[in-house]
C-alpha atoms as a PDB file:
ATOM      1  CA  MET A   1      21.629 -15.216  -7.617  1.00  0.00           C
ATOM      2  CA  THR A   2      19.116 -12.443  -6.916  1.00  0.00           C
ATOM      3  CA  GLU A   3      15.625 -13.634  -6.140  1.00  0.00           C
ATOM      4  CA  LYS A   4      13.117 -12.772  -8.851  1.00  0.00           C
ATOM      5  CA  ALA A   5      10.555 -10.164  -7.793  1.00  0.00           C
ATOM      6  CA  VAL A   6       7.457  -8.652  -9.355  1.00  0.00           C
ATOM      7  CA  ILE A   7       5.169  -5.784  -8.364  1.00  0.00           C
ATOM      8  CA  ILE A   8       1.416  -6.265  -8.663  1.00  0.00           C
ATOM      9  CA  ILE A   9      -0.969  -3.328  -8.188  1.00  0.00           C
ATOM     10  CA  PRO A  10      -4.457  -4.581  -7.229  1.00  0.00           C
ATOM     11  CA  ALA A  11      -7.338  -2.327  -8.242  1.00  0.00           C
ATOM     12  CA  ARG A  12     -11.094  -2.593  -7.905  1.00  0.00           C
ATOM     13  CA  TYR A  13     -13.760  -0.185  -9.094  1.00  0.00           C
ATOM     14  CA  GLY A  14     -16.283  -0.598  -6.297  1.00  0.00           C
ATOM     15  CA  SER A  15     -15.552   1.139  -3.005  1.00  0.00           C
ATOM     16  CA  THR A  16     -17.840   2.082  -0.142  1.00  0.00           C
ATOM     17  CA  ARG A  17     -15.916   5.261   0.605  1.00  0.00           C
ATOM     18  CA  PHE A  18     -14.920   6.215  -2.959  1.00  0.00           C
ATOM     19  CA  GLU A  19     -16.609   4.589  -5.958  1.00  0.00           C
ATOM     20  CA  GLY A  20     -14.314   4.328  -8.980  1.00  0.00           C
ATOM     21  CA  LYS A  21     -11.288   5.403  -6.946  1.00  0.00           C
ATOM     22  CA  PRO A  22      -8.566   3.908  -9.251  1.00  0.00           C
ATOM     23  CA  LEU A  23      -9.772   6.130 -12.093  1.00  0.00           C
ATOM     24  CA  ALA A  24      -9.951   9.307  -9.978  1.00  0.00           C
ATOM     25  CA  ALA A  25      -8.072  12.143 -11.701  1.00  0.00           C
ATOM     26  CA  LEU A  26      -5.117  13.789  -9.971  1.00  0.00           C
ATOM     27  CA  VAL A  27      -3.807  17.014 -11.500  1.00  0.00           C
ATOM     28  CA  GLY A  28      -0.083  17.673 -11.173  1.00  0.00           C
ATOM     29  CA  ALA A  29       1.960  20.863 -11.045  1.00  0.00           C
ATOM     30  CA  THR A  30       1.993  21.282 -14.832  1.00  0.00           C
ATOM     31  CA  GLY A  31      -1.749  20.806 -15.172  1.00  0.00           C
ATOM     32  CA  VAL A  32      -1.409  17.229 -16.432  1.00  0.00           C
ATOM     33  CA  SER A  33      -4.198  14.967 -15.213  1.00  0.00           C
ATOM     34  CA  LYS A  34      -3.401  11.325 -14.514  1.00  0.00           C
ATOM     35  CA  SER A  35      -5.580   8.706 -12.891  1.00  0.00           C
ATOM     36  CA  LEU A  36      -4.762   7.333  -9.460  1.00  0.00           C
ATOM     37  CA  ILE A  37      -3.899   3.935 -10.961  1.00  0.00           C
ATOM     38  CA  GLN A  38      -1.515   5.519 -13.478  1.00  0.00           C
ATOM     39  CA  ARG A  39       0.299   7.495 -10.807  1.00  0.00           C
ATOM     40  CA  SER A  40       0.661   4.306  -8.731  1.00  0.00           C
ATOM     41  CA  TRP A  41       2.008   2.478 -11.789  1.00  0.00           C
ATOM     42  CA  ASP A  42       4.477   5.327 -12.440  1.00  0.00           C
ATOM     43  CA  THR A  43       5.809   4.832  -8.911  1.00  0.00           C
ATOM     44  CA  ALA A  44       6.202   1.078  -9.399  1.00  0.00           C
ATOM     45  CA  MET A  45       8.094   1.586 -12.649  1.00  0.00           C
ATOM     46  CA  GLU A  46      10.760   3.590 -10.785  1.00  0.00           C
ATOM     47  CA  VAL A  47      11.600   0.712  -8.419  1.00  0.00           C
ATOM     48  CA  GLU A  48      14.918  -0.991  -9.113  1.00  0.00           C
ATOM     49  CA  GLY A  49      15.468  -4.727  -8.869  1.00  0.00           C
ATOM     50  CA  VAL A  50      12.076  -5.963 -10.108  1.00  0.00           C
ATOM     51  CA  ASP A  51      11.350  -8.210 -13.071  1.00  0.00           C
ATOM     52  CA  GLY A  52       7.850  -7.025 -13.924  1.00  0.00           C
ATOM     53  CA  VAL A  53       5.055  -4.612 -12.971  1.00  0.00           C
ATOM     54  CA  TYR A  54       1.384  -5.542 -13.399  1.00  0.00           C
ATOM     55  CA  VAL A  55      -2.059  -4.109 -12.675  1.00  0.00           C
ATOM     56  CA  ALA A  56      -4.480  -6.741 -11.333  1.00  0.00           C
ATOM     57  CA  THR A  57      -8.207  -6.065 -11.665  1.00  0.00           C
ATOM     58  CA  ASP A  58     -11.565  -7.664 -12.424  1.00  0.00           C
ATOM     59  CA  ASP A  59     -12.947  -4.467 -13.957  1.00  0.00           C
ATOM     60  CA  ASP A  60     -12.844  -3.809 -17.710  1.00  0.00           C
ATOM     61  CA  ARG A  61     -12.843  -0.027 -17.206  1.00  0.00           C
ATOM     62  CA  ILE A  62      -9.692  -0.172 -15.095  1.00  0.00           C
ATOM     63  CA  ALA A  63      -8.083  -2.708 -17.427  1.00  0.00           C
ATOM     64  CA  GLU A  64      -8.742  -0.505 -20.458  1.00  0.00           C
ATOM     65  CA  ALA A  65      -7.361   2.582 -18.752  1.00  0.00           C
ATOM     66  CA  ALA A  66      -4.254   0.705 -17.559  1.00  0.00           C
ATOM     67  CA  ARG A  67      -3.491  -0.740 -20.983  1.00  0.00           C
ATOM     68  CA  ALA A  68      -3.912   2.751 -22.486  1.00  0.00           C
ATOM     69  CA  PHE A  69      -0.965   4.104 -20.466  1.00  0.00           C
ATOM     70  CA  GLY A  70       1.164   1.015 -21.162  1.00  0.00           C
ATOM     71  CA  ALA A  71       0.607  -1.244 -18.168  1.00  0.00           C
ATOM     72  CA  GLU A  72       0.454  -5.023 -18.352  1.00  0.00           C
ATOM     73  CA  VAL A  73      -2.870  -6.210 -16.922  1.00  0.00           C
ATOM     74  CA  LEU A  74      -3.730  -9.458 -15.133  1.00  0.00           C
ATOM     75  CA  MET A  75      -7.476 -10.107 -14.985  1.00  0.00           C
ATOM     76  CA  THR A  76      -8.690 -11.622 -11.728  1.00  0.00           C
ATOM     77  CA  SER A  77     -11.833 -13.041 -10.194  1.00  0.00           C
ATOM     78  CA  SER A  78     -14.527 -10.654  -8.971  1.00  0.00           C
ATOM     79  CA  ASP A  79     -14.715 -12.704  -5.754  1.00  0.00           C
ATOM     80  CA  CYS A  80     -11.439 -11.377  -4.301  1.00  0.00           C
ATOM     81  CA  ALA A  81     -12.179  -9.918  -0.875  1.00  0.00           C
ATOM     82  CA  ASN A  82      -9.167  -7.576  -0.784  1.00  0.00           C
ATOM     83  CA  GLY A  83      -5.937  -6.616  -2.506  1.00  0.00           C
ATOM     84  CA  THR A  84      -3.919  -9.496  -1.100  1.00  0.00           C
ATOM     85  CA  GLU A  85      -6.423 -12.043  -2.402  1.00  0.00           C
ATOM     86  CA  ARG A  86      -6.370 -10.264  -5.777  1.00  0.00           C
ATOM     87  CA  VAL A  87      -2.571 -10.436  -5.920  1.00  0.00           C
ATOM     88  CA  ALA A  88      -2.708 -14.150  -5.064  1.00  0.00           C
ATOM     89  CA  ASP A  89      -5.261 -14.699  -7.818  1.00  0.00           C
ATOM     90  CA  ALA A  90      -3.183 -12.712 -10.331  1.00  0.00           C
ATOM     91  CA  LEU A  91      -0.126 -14.900  -9.690  1.00  0.00           C
ATOM     92  CA  ARG A  92      -1.865 -17.780 -11.431  1.00  0.00           C
ATOM     93  CA  SER A  93      -1.723 -15.844 -14.710  1.00  0.00           C
ATOM     94  CA  LEU A  94       2.052 -15.430 -14.666  1.00  0.00           C
ATOM     95  CA  PRO A  95       4.022 -17.887 -16.821  1.00  0.00           C
ATOM     96  CA  THR A  96       6.693 -18.320 -14.150  1.00  0.00           C
ATOM     97  CA  GLN A  97       6.383 -17.817 -10.415  1.00  0.00           C
ATOM     98  CA  PRO A  98       8.554 -15.140  -8.753  1.00  0.00           C
ATOM     99  CA  ASP A  99      10.419 -15.618  -5.484  1.00  0.00           C
ATOM    100  CA  ILE A 100       8.987 -12.391  -4.021  1.00  0.00           C
ATOM    101  CA  VAL A 101       5.689 -10.679  -4.772  1.00  0.00           C
ATOM    102  CA  VAL A 102       5.221  -6.991  -3.940  1.00  0.00           C
ATOM    103  CA  ASN A 103       1.707  -5.660  -3.518  1.00  0.00           C
ATOM    104  CA  LEU A 104       1.648  -1.902  -4.129  1.00  0.00           C
ATOM    105  CA  GLN A 105      -1.866  -0.850  -3.276  1.00  0.00           C
ATOM    106  CA  GLY A 106      -3.289   1.401  -5.936  1.00  0.00           C
ATOM    107  CA  ASP A 107      -4.307   4.186  -3.543  1.00  0.00           C
ATOM    108  CA  ALA A 108      -0.812   5.312  -2.568  1.00  0.00           C
ATOM    109  CA  PRO A 109       0.545   7.361  -5.507  1.00  0.00           C
ATOM    110  CA  LEU A 110       2.940   9.322  -3.308  1.00  0.00           C
ATOM    111  CA  THR A 111       4.825   6.174  -2.251  1.00  0.00           C
ATOM    112  CA  PRO A 112       8.548   6.876  -2.798  1.00  0.00           C
ATOM    113  CA  PRO A 113      10.186   4.123  -4.891  1.00  0.00           C
ATOM    114  CA  TRP A 114      12.847   3.537  -2.244  1.00  0.00           C
ATOM    115  CA  PHE A 115      10.149   2.335   0.171  1.00  0.00           C
ATOM    116  CA  LEU A 116       9.699  -0.695  -2.085  1.00  0.00           C
ATOM    117  CA  THR A 117      13.424  -1.057  -2.726  1.00  0.00           C
ATOM    118  CA  GLU A 118      14.023  -1.316   1.026  1.00  0.00           C
ATOM    119  CA  LEU A 119      11.148  -3.762   1.364  1.00  0.00           C
ATOM    120  CA  LEU A 120      12.713  -6.026  -1.259  1.00  0.00           C
ATOM    121  CA  ALA A 121      16.127  -5.686   0.378  1.00  0.00           C
ATOM    122  CA  GLU A 122      14.722  -6.918   3.705  1.00  0.00           C
ATOM    123  CA  MET A 123      13.104  -9.956   2.073  1.00  0.00           C
ATOM    124  CA  ARG A 124      16.343 -10.806   0.260  1.00  0.00           C
ATOM    125  CA  ARG A 125      18.482 -10.227   3.345  1.00  0.00           C
ATOM    126  CA  ASP A 126      16.405 -12.479   5.606  1.00  0.00           C
ATOM    127  CA  THR A 127      14.912 -15.372   3.667  1.00  0.00           C
ATOM    128  CA  THR A 128      12.999 -16.569   6.751  1.00  0.00           C
ATOM    129  CA  VAL A 129      10.687 -13.536   6.495  1.00  0.00           C
ATOM    130  CA  GLN A 130       7.412 -14.624   4.894  1.00  0.00           C
ATOM    131  CA  MET A 131       5.859 -11.182   4.696  1.00  0.00           C
ATOM    132  CA  ALA A 132       7.063  -7.612   5.156  1.00  0.00           C
ATOM    133  CA  THR A 133       5.572  -4.138   4.999  1.00  0.00           C
ATOM    134  CA  PRO A 134       6.988  -0.590   5.269  1.00  0.00           C
ATOM    135  CA  VAL A 135       6.258   1.739   8.171  1.00  0.00           C
ATOM    136  CA  LEU A 136       7.017   5.446   8.368  1.00  0.00           C
ATOM    137  CA  ARG A 137       7.388   7.439  11.570  1.00  0.00           C
ATOM    138  CA  CYS A 138       4.743  10.166  11.564  1.00  0.00           C
ATOM    139  CA  ASP A 139       5.692  13.783  11.878  1.00  0.00           C
ATOM    140  CA  GLY A 140       3.390  16.173  13.694  1.00  0.00           C
ATOM    141  CA  LEU A 141       1.581  17.215  10.515  1.00  0.00           C
ATOM    142  CA  THR A 142       0.735  13.649   9.485  1.00  0.00           C
ATOM    143  CA  LEU A 143      -0.402  12.775  12.990  1.00  0.00           C
ATOM    144  CA  GLU A 144      -2.686  15.815  13.030  1.00  0.00           C
ATOM    145  CA  ASN A 145      -4.167  14.726   9.685  1.00  0.00           C
ATOM    146  CA  PHE A 146      -4.901  11.326  11.250  1.00  0.00           C
ATOM    147  CA  ARG A 147      -6.559  12.984  14.235  1.00  0.00           C
ATOM    148  CA  GLU A 148      -8.576  15.337  12.026  1.00  0.00           C
ATOM    149  CA  ASP A 149      -9.931  12.397  10.031  1.00  0.00           C
ATOM    150  CA  ARG A 150     -10.995  10.587  13.189  1.00  0.00           C
ATOM    151  CA  ARG A 151     -12.620  13.733  14.617  1.00  0.00           C
ATOM    152  CA  ASN A 152     -14.652  14.057  11.429  1.00  0.00           C
ATOM    153  CA  GLY A 153     -15.673  10.420  11.315  1.00  0.00           C
ATOM    154  CA  ARG A 154     -13.419   9.583   8.372  1.00  0.00           C
ATOM    155  CA  VAL A 155     -11.255   6.488   8.170  1.00  0.00           C
ATOM    156  CA  GLY A 156      -7.838   7.774   7.205  1.00  0.00           C
ATOM    157  CA  GLY A 157      -4.431   6.123   7.280  1.00  0.00           C
ATOM    158  CA  THR A 158      -3.454   3.005   9.205  1.00  0.00           C
ATOM    159  CA  THR A 159      -1.001   2.891  12.103  1.00  0.00           C
ATOM    160  CA  ALA A 160       1.326   0.055  13.120  1.00  0.00           C
ATOM    161  CA  VAL A 161       2.916  -1.018  16.379  1.00  0.00           C
ATOM    162  CA  PHE A 162       5.726  -3.568  16.453  1.00  0.00           C
ATOM    163  CA  ASN A 163       8.105  -5.349  18.839  1.00  0.00           C
ATOM    164  CA  THR A 164      11.871  -5.047  19.302  1.00  0.00           C
ATOM    165  CA  HIS A 165      12.436  -7.534  16.480  1.00  0.00           C
ATOM    166  CA  ARG A 166      10.393  -5.227  14.207  1.00  0.00           C
ATOM    167  CA  ASP A 167       7.620  -7.788  13.837  1.00  0.00           C
ATOM    168  CA  ALA A 168       4.115  -6.320  13.981  1.00  0.00           C
ATOM    169  CA  LEU A 169       2.046  -6.474  17.149  1.00  0.00           C
ATOM    170  CA  TYR A 170      -1.001  -4.850  15.569  1.00  0.00           C
ATOM    171  CA  PHE A 171      -2.304  -2.611  12.799  1.00  0.00           C
ATOM    172  CA  SER A 172      -5.269  -0.285  13.269  1.00  0.00           C
ATOM    173  CA  LYS A 173      -7.252   2.501  11.663  1.00  0.00           C
ATOM    174  CA  GLU A 174      -7.266   4.116  15.072  1.00  0.00           C
ATOM    175  CA  VAL A 175      -4.208   6.144  16.053  1.00  0.00           C
ATOM    176  CA  LEU A 176      -1.945   3.755  17.977  1.00  0.00           C
ATOM    177  CA  PRO A 177      -0.161   4.010  20.319  1.00  0.00           C
ATOM    178  CA  TYR A 178      -2.306   6.531  22.163  1.00  0.00           C
ATOM    179  CA  THR A 179      -0.754   9.938  22.729  1.00  0.00           C
ATOM    180  CA  ASP A 180      -2.428  13.265  23.504  1.00  0.00           C
ATOM    181  CA  ASP A 181       0.807  15.257  23.285  1.00  0.00           C
ATOM    182  CA  THR A 182       1.056  18.240  20.955  1.00  0.00           C
ATOM    183  CA  TYR A 183       3.672  18.075  18.196  1.00  0.00           C
ATOM    184  CA  ALA A 184       4.975  20.722  15.804  1.00  0.00           C
ATOM    185  CA  PRO A 185       4.426  19.878  12.105  1.00  0.00           C
ATOM    186  CA  LYS A 186       7.985  18.596  11.594  1.00  0.00           C
ATOM    187  CA  ASP A 187       8.438  16.964  15.007  1.00  0.00           C
ATOM    188  CA  GLU A 188       8.932  13.203  15.259  1.00  0.00           C
ATOM    189  CA  THR A 189       6.117  11.358  17.018  1.00  0.00           C
ATOM    190  CA  PRO A 190       5.806   7.846  18.522  1.00  0.00           C
ATOM    191  CA  VAL A 191       3.181   6.909  15.899  1.00  0.00           C
ATOM    192  CA  PHE A 192       4.094   4.891  12.809  1.00  0.00           C
ATOM    193  CA  HIS A 193       2.094   5.200   9.598  1.00  0.00           C
ATOM    194  CA  HIS A 194       1.617   1.885   7.839  1.00  0.00           C
ATOM    195  CA  VAL A 195       2.497   2.262   4.158  1.00  0.00           C
ATOM    196  CA  GLY A 196       0.147   0.533   1.710  1.00  0.00           C
ATOM    197  CA  ALA A 197       2.599  -2.022   0.355  1.00  0.00           C
ATOM    198  CA  TYR A 198       3.481  -5.637   1.162  1.00  0.00           C
ATOM    199  CA  ALA A 199       6.031  -8.218   0.076  1.00  0.00           C
ATOM    200  CA  TYR A 200       5.257 -11.915   0.340  1.00  0.00           C
ATOM    201  CA  ARG A 201       6.603 -15.348  -0.473  1.00  0.00           C
ATOM    202  CA  PRO A 202       4.185 -17.003  -2.950  1.00  0.00           C
ATOM    203  CA  ALA A 203       3.588 -19.987  -0.643  1.00  0.00           C
ATOM    204  CA  THR A 204       2.462 -17.618   2.125  1.00  0.00           C
ATOM    205  CA  LEU A 205       0.002 -15.988  -0.264  1.00  0.00           C
ATOM    206  CA  THR A 206      -1.523 -19.383  -1.001  1.00  0.00           C
ATOM    207  CA  GLN A 207      -1.990 -19.997   2.722  1.00  0.00           C
ATOM    208  CA  TYR A 208      -3.631 -16.600   3.098  1.00  0.00           C
ATOM    209  CA  VAL A 209      -6.394 -17.397   0.642  1.00  0.00           C
ATOM    210  CA  ASN A 210      -7.039 -20.794   2.217  1.00  0.00           C
ATOM    211  CA  TRP A 211      -7.427 -19.357   5.737  1.00  0.00           C
ATOM    212  CA  GLY A 212     -10.447 -17.207   4.939  1.00  0.00           C
ATOM    213  CA  GLU A 213     -11.256 -13.898   6.635  1.00  0.00           C
ATOM    214  CA  SER A 214     -10.367 -13.433  10.300  1.00  0.00           C
ATOM    215  CA  ALA A 215     -12.495 -11.658  12.896  1.00  0.00           C
ATOM    216  CA  LEU A 216      -9.977  -8.826  13.392  1.00  0.00           C
ATOM    217  CA  GLU A 217      -9.644  -8.342   9.656  1.00  0.00           C
ATOM    218  CA  GLN A 218     -13.404  -7.934   9.357  1.00  0.00           C
ATOM    219  CA  LEU A 219     -13.584  -5.473  12.256  1.00  0.00           C
ATOM    220  CA  GLU A 220     -10.727  -3.210  11.142  1.00  0.00           C
ATOM    221  CA  GLY A 221     -11.046  -3.739   7.393  1.00  0.00           C
ATOM    222  CA  LEU A 222      -7.296  -4.452   7.270  1.00  0.00           C
ATOM    223  CA  GLU A 223      -6.252  -7.443   5.206  1.00  0.00           C
ATOM    224  CA  GLN A 224      -2.824  -7.848   6.838  1.00  0.00           C
ATOM    225  CA  LEU A 225      -4.441  -8.787  10.150  1.00  0.00           C
ATOM    226  CA  ARG A 226      -5.270 -12.197   8.663  1.00  0.00           C
ATOM    227  CA  PHE A 227      -1.559 -13.027   8.784  1.00  0.00           C
ATOM    228  CA  LEU A 228      -1.253 -12.040  12.456  1.00  0.00           C
ATOM    229  CA  ALA A 229      -4.435 -13.932  13.355  1.00  0.00           C
ATOM    230  CA  ASN A 230      -2.917 -17.082  11.856  1.00  0.00           C
ATOM    231  CA  GLY A 231       0.472 -16.745  13.519  1.00  0.00           C
ATOM    232  CA  VAL A 232       2.522 -15.463  10.577  1.00  0.00           C
ATOM    233  CA  PRO A 233       4.910 -12.667  11.647  1.00  0.00           C
ATOM    234  CA  VAL A 234       4.775  -9.493   9.600  1.00  0.00           C
ATOM    235  CA  ARG A 235       8.151  -7.766   9.431  1.00  0.00           C
ATOM    236  CA  CYS A 236       7.876  -3.979   9.687  1.00  0.00           C
ATOM    237  CA  VAL A 237      10.563  -2.237   7.651  1.00  0.00           C
ATOM    238  CA  GLU A 238      11.097   1.316   8.846  1.00  0.00           C
ATOM    239  CA  VAL A 239      11.631   3.675   5.922  1.00  0.00           C
ATOM    240  CA  GLU A 240      12.534   7.347   5.733  1.00  0.00           C
ATOM    241  CA  ALA A 241      10.563   9.997   3.899  1.00  0.00           C
ATOM    242  CA  ARG A 242      13.681  12.005   2.891  1.00  0.00           C
ATOM    243  CA  GLY A 243      11.545  15.116   2.731  1.00  0.00           C
ATOM    244  CA  ARG A 244       8.721  13.468   0.801  1.00  0.00           C
ATOM    245  CA  VAL A 245       5.121  13.690   1.998  1.00  0.00           C
ATOM    246  CA  PHE A 246       3.330  10.358   2.109  1.00  0.00           C
ATOM    247  CA  TRP A 247      -0.457  10.225   2.063  1.00  0.00           C
ATOM    248  CA  GLU A 248      -2.931   7.673   0.729  1.00  0.00           C
ATOM    249  CA  LEU A 249      -6.120   8.364  -1.187  1.00  0.00           C
ATOM    250  CA  ASN A 250      -8.755   6.889   1.099  1.00  0.00           C
ATOM    251  CA  ASN A 251     -11.535   9.475   0.814  1.00  0.00           C
ATOM    252  CA  PRO A 252     -12.531  12.117  -1.778  1.00  0.00           C
ATOM    253  CA  VAL A 253     -11.052  14.794   0.507  1.00  0.00           C
ATOM    254  CA  ASP A 254      -7.619  13.211  -0.030  1.00  0.00           C
ATOM    255  CA  VAL A 255      -7.598  14.227  -3.714  1.00  0.00           C
ATOM    256  CA  ALA A 256      -6.937  17.848  -2.735  1.00  0.00           C
ATOM    257  CA  ARG A 257      -4.286  16.791  -0.204  1.00  0.00           C
ATOM    258  CA  ILE A 258      -2.386  14.786  -2.814  1.00  0.00           C
ATOM    259  CA  GLU A 259      -2.736  17.435  -5.531  1.00  0.00           C
ATOM    260  CA  THR A 260      -1.287  19.978  -3.092  1.00  0.00           C
ATOM    261  CA  VAL A 261       1.799  17.799  -2.690  1.00  0.00           C
ATOM    262  CA  LEU A 262       2.107  17.352  -6.463  1.00  0.00           C
ATOM    263  CA  ARG A 263       2.030  21.127  -6.938  1.00  0.00           C
ATOM    264  CA  GLU A 264       4.460  21.848  -4.097  1.00  0.00           C
ATOM    265  CA  LYS A 265       6.968  19.296  -5.423  1.00  0.00           C
ATOM    266  CA  GLY A 266       6.562  20.416  -9.028  1.00  0.00           C
ATOM    267  CA  TRP A 267       5.583  16.919 -10.184  1.00  0.00           C
ATOM    268  CA  GLU A 268       3.748  16.505 -13.467  1.00  0.00           C
END
């Protein structure tokens, strides 16, 4: 029997770097404008093997916009410190508890659906895994975008390093591991981009909330570090881009980057 899985997209209106980010408009190749949260929801709806897709928010503006394009909304507390806490809070509103919960962060509209399919496959293959997250080997172009952000004082994407068992050693907003080599745009690099998605067992989510924030989590602003700080392995699932460009919307400058991809790929 296949384990039941749901996707929850946490979204909050307030953001230090980008106020109102979930409602930011992204114009596609045909001139159609869709909000960031809608494009993230569109991605989730393409994932096979899930039993439900929900938007989780404490903000009425986001809830109204999500319901307008057909999403199911789970209202959460305004006290959630991050997306993982919001997903944990949203679970309480579901009539039945799933076996696996996928957190697709609402700032990654270019996430290919197969990233989440492979994440679910790993959780179903190895039932001892309590949490998993996708990682994508950076090409030279993505690595240079990371470096450009850091040079300009912007916090861009997150990198991941992991051991031979594919369990995470660390996640950082700095570019890790260090390399000063020069790479052509399509060259493979030793840097792995952490993709903004997670899969958890519900019991592990409950533990997460009870632990409270960790020191590393506060320093880096990365919620997944709470798991590492409390001794829970985070399985890194390497995924392939298959020619797709992956980039998150972290800063206003990323709107143009993502719209460029939408135009180049001919996506609505």
